[in-house]
Amino acid sequence: DPSDGIGYLKRCYIEPRARGNKLQVLALSTREARAKALGWKKLVSETTNVQSAGNFIKAGYSPFEPEQKWGEEGSMYFTKAL
């Protein structure tokens, strides 16, 4: 429920043949702009993919351990204040 000012990024998948072009970081920044326009204050997400984890960090996200894990086994969790 984004009424608490926190949004969840569901997925940001990039086709394998298009990877390496910073598209995931660009997609994250586009989604952040929309979240800000909606008045959200923070975004959270998770991934099991090491390359995606690196892209979250490049985009300014910080790793965190949620109180209640919602992702698959082995998920890495990220958050960013907007």
Protein backbone atom coordinates (compact mmCIF):
# COMPACT_ATOMS: atom_id res chain seq x y z
CA ASP A 1 0.00 0.00 0.00
CA PRO A 2 1.80 3.15 -1.19
CA SER A 3 -0.30 5.30 1.16
CA ASP A 4 2.55 4.94 3.66
CA GLY A 5 4.87 6.64 1.16
CA ILE A 6 6.78 3.45 0.32
CA GLY A 7 6.61 1.85 -3.13
CA TYR A 8 7.76 -1.57 -4.24
CA LEU A 9 9.61 -2.07 -7.52
CA LYS A 10 8.27 -5.40 -8.75
CA ARG A 11 10.71 -6.17 -11.56
CA CYS A 12 13.15 -4.43 -13.87
CA TYR A 13 14.10 -7.22 -16.28
CA ILE A 14 16.33 -6.52 -19.29
CA GLU A 15 16.52 -9.02 -22.15
CA PRO A 16 19.93 -10.74 -22.24
CA ARG A 17 20.84 -9.38 -25.69
CA ALA A 18 20.23 -5.79 -24.47
CA ARG A 19 22.24 -6.05 -21.25
CA GLY A 20 25.40 -4.04 -20.66
CA ASN A 21 23.88 -0.80 -21.97
CA LYS A 22 22.84 0.67 -18.60
CA LEU A 23 19.17 0.12 -19.47
CA GLN A 24 18.29 -1.24 -16.05
CA VAL A 25 19.73 1.83 -14.29
CA LEU A 26 17.84 4.06 -16.76
CA ALA A 27 14.61 2.14 -16.12
CA LEU A 28 15.11 2.51 -12.37
CA SER A 29 15.56 6.28 -12.65
CA THR A 30 12.44 6.57 -14.81
CA ARG A 31 10.40 4.63 -12.25
CA GLU A 32 11.84 6.76 -9.43
CA ALA A 33 10.67 9.92 -11.20
CA ARG A 34 7.15 8.50 -11.45
CA ALA A 35 7.22 7.45 -7.78
CA LYS A 36 8.27 10.98 -6.77
CA ALA A 37 5.45 12.44 -8.86
CA LEU A 38 3.05 10.19 -6.93
CA GLY A 39 4.42 11.56 -3.65
CA TRP A 40 6.21 8.41 -2.57
CA LYS A 41 9.13 8.89 -0.17
CA LYS A 42 10.97 5.58 -0.50
CA LEU A 43 11.28 2.59 -2.82
CA VAL A 44 12.16 -0.98 -1.91
CA SER A 45 12.94 -3.99 -4.06
CA GLU A 46 14.64 -7.35 -4.05
CA THR A 47 16.57 -9.51 -6.45
CA THR A 48 18.41 -12.81 -6.58
CA ASN A 49 20.51 -11.64 -9.54
CA VAL A 50 24.02 -10.40 -8.71
CA GLN A 51 24.19 -8.13 -11.78
CA SER A 52 20.86 -6.53 -10.85
CA ALA A 53 22.14 -6.04 -7.30
CA GLY A 54 25.10 -4.14 -8.73
CA ASN A 55 22.75 -1.98 -10.79
CA PHE A 56 20.68 -1.14 -7.72
CA ILE A 57 23.85 0.02 -5.99
CA LYS A 58 24.92 2.04 -9.08
CA ALA A 59 21.47 3.70 -9.01
CA GLY A 60 21.94 4.75 -5.37
CA TYR A 61 20.05 1.99 -3.57
CA SER A 62 21.31 0.63 -0.27
CA PRO A 63 21.17 -3.00 0.83
CA PHE A 64 18.98 -3.67 3.86
CA GLU A 65 17.51 -6.57 5.80
CA PRO A 66 13.73 -6.31 6.02
CA GLU A 67 11.96 -7.22 9.21
CA GLN A 68 9.84 -9.68 7.24
CA LYS A 69 11.44 -11.12 4.09
CA TRP A 70 9.11 -11.37 1.11
CA GLY A 71 11.43 -12.53 -1.69
CA GLU A 72 12.70 -15.89 -2.82
CA GLU A 73 15.33 -17.75 -0.85
CA GLY A 74 18.64 -15.94 -1.38
CA SER A 75 17.06 -12.59 -2.22
CA MET A 76 19.03 -9.38 -1.68
CA TYR A 77 16.94 -6.40 -0.55
CA PHE A 78 17.44 -2.76 -1.50
CA THR A 79 15.95 0.59 -0.54
CA LYS A 80 16.28 4.19 -1.65
CA ALA A 81 14.88 7.41 -0.21
CA LEU A 82 13.44 9.66 -2.89
